[in-house]
C-alpha cells in the first residue's frame, strides 16, 4: 500500500489534543493517530451499511422503487450517520 501526503489545517486546540495523544504513547505519530480515526469511521459506515442490508432482507419481498426512493434511502443513511 503506497502512502501519500495530505496537509490539513487544525485550530491550535485540536493540534494540541492530537499531539497529546502521541505524547501519551497511545500512538507513535500524528499520522498513525489520524489513520486510526479514519479506520474507525470507515468501520462505522460499514456496520451501518450491513445493518441496512439486514433490515432490507428482513423486511420481506422487494417492491419496485424509483429515483425518489433511492434519495429517501440516502437521506436515511445521512440521518443515521449524523446520530452516531
Protein backbone atom coordinates (compact mmCIF):
# COMPACT_ATOMS: atom_id res chain seq x y z
CA UNK A 1 0.00 0.00 0.00
CA UNK A 2 1.55 3.29 -1.09
CA UNK A 3 1.42 6.31 1.13
CA UNK A 4 0.66 9.84 0.07
CA UNK A 5 0.89 13.12 1.94
CA UNK A 6 -2.07 15.21 2.97
CA UNK A 7 -1.76 18.66 4.51
CA UNK A 8 -4.51 19.68 6.91
CA UNK A 9 -5.19 22.79 8.95
CA UNK A 10 -6.34 22.49 12.55
CA UNK A 11 -7.18 25.02 15.21
CA UNK A 12 -4.46 25.13 17.88
CA UNK A 13 -6.71 23.37 20.40
CA UNK A 14 -7.14 20.38 18.08
CA UNK A 15 -3.46 20.27 17.23
CA UNK A 16 -2.60 20.26 20.94
CA UNK A 17 -5.07 17.45 21.54
CA UNK A 18 -3.64 15.32 18.73
CA UNK A 19 -0.09 15.97 19.90
CA UNK A 20 -1.06 14.99 23.46
CA UNK A 21 -2.36 11.63 22.16
CA UNK A 22 1.00 10.97 20.55
CA UNK A 23 2.96 12.14 23.62
CA UNK A 24 0.87 9.85 25.84
CA UNK A 25 2.28 6.88 23.96
CA UNK A 26 -1.07 5.76 22.54
CA UNK A 27 0.23 6.47 19.03
CA UNK A 28 3.70 6.70 17.55
CA UNK A 29 2.94 9.58 15.18
CA UNK A 30 0.20 12.03 14.32
CA UNK A 31 -0.31 10.13 11.05
CA UNK A 32 -0.85 6.90 12.98
CA UNK A 33 -3.49 8.61 15.14
CA UNK A 34 -5.32 10.06 12.13
CA UNK A 35 -5.25 6.72 10.28
CA UNK A 36 -6.81 5.09 13.34
CA UNK A 37 -9.60 7.69 13.40
CA UNK A 38 -10.28 7.20 9.69
CA UNK A 39 -10.37 3.40 10.06
CA UNK A 40 -12.88 3.76 12.89
CA UNK A 41 -15.08 5.97 10.71
CA UNK A 42 -14.84 3.52 7.82
CA UNK A 43 -15.86 0.71 10.15
CA UNK A 44 -18.85 2.70 11.38
CA UNK A 45 -20.05 3.25 7.83
CA UNK A 46 -19.61 -0.45 7.01
CA UNK A 47 -21.57 -1.51 10.11
CA UNK A 48 -24.37 0.89 9.18
CA UNK A 49 -24.44 -0.46 5.61
CA UNK A 50 -24.56 -4.03 6.93
CA UNK A 51 -27.43 -3.10 9.27
CA UNK A 52 -29.39 -1.50 6.43
CA UNK A 53 -28.89 -4.57 4.23
CA UNK A 54 -30.06 -6.82 7.08
CA UNK A 55 -33.15 -4.63 7.62
CA UNK A 56 -33.88 -4.80 3.90
CA UNK A 57 -33.62 -8.57 3.80
CA UNK A 58 -35.80 -8.94 6.90
CA UNK A 59 -38.43 -6.55 5.55
CA UNK A 60 -39.82 -9.14 3.16
CA UNK A 61 -40.23 -9.34 -0.60
CA UNK A 62 -38.87 -6.46 -2.62
CA UNK A 63 -41.02 -3.93 -4.40
CA UNK A 64 -40.23 -1.71 -7.38
CA UNK A 65 -38.64 1.63 -6.48
CA UNK A 66 -37.69 4.80 -8.28
CA UNK A 67 -35.20 7.64 -8.00
CA UNK A 68 -37.19 9.27 -5.18
CA UNK A 69 -36.95 6.04 -3.16
CA UNK A 70 -33.18 5.99 -3.64
CA UNK A 71 -32.92 9.60 -2.44
CA UNK A 72 -35.04 8.69 0.60
CA UNK A 73 -32.66 5.84 1.39
CA UNK A 74 -29.64 8.15 1.05
CA UNK A 75 -31.27 10.68 3.36
CA UNK A 76 -31.88 7.93 5.92
CA UNK A 77 -28.23 6.89 5.77
CA UNK A 78 -27.09 10.51 6.27
CA UNK A 79 -29.52 10.85 9.20
CA UNK A 80 -28.25 7.71 10.86
CA UNK A 81 -24.61 8.66 10.36
CA UNK A 82 -25.20 12.06 11.95
CA UNK A 83 -26.71 10.36 15.02
CA UNK A 84 -23.57 8.38 15.76
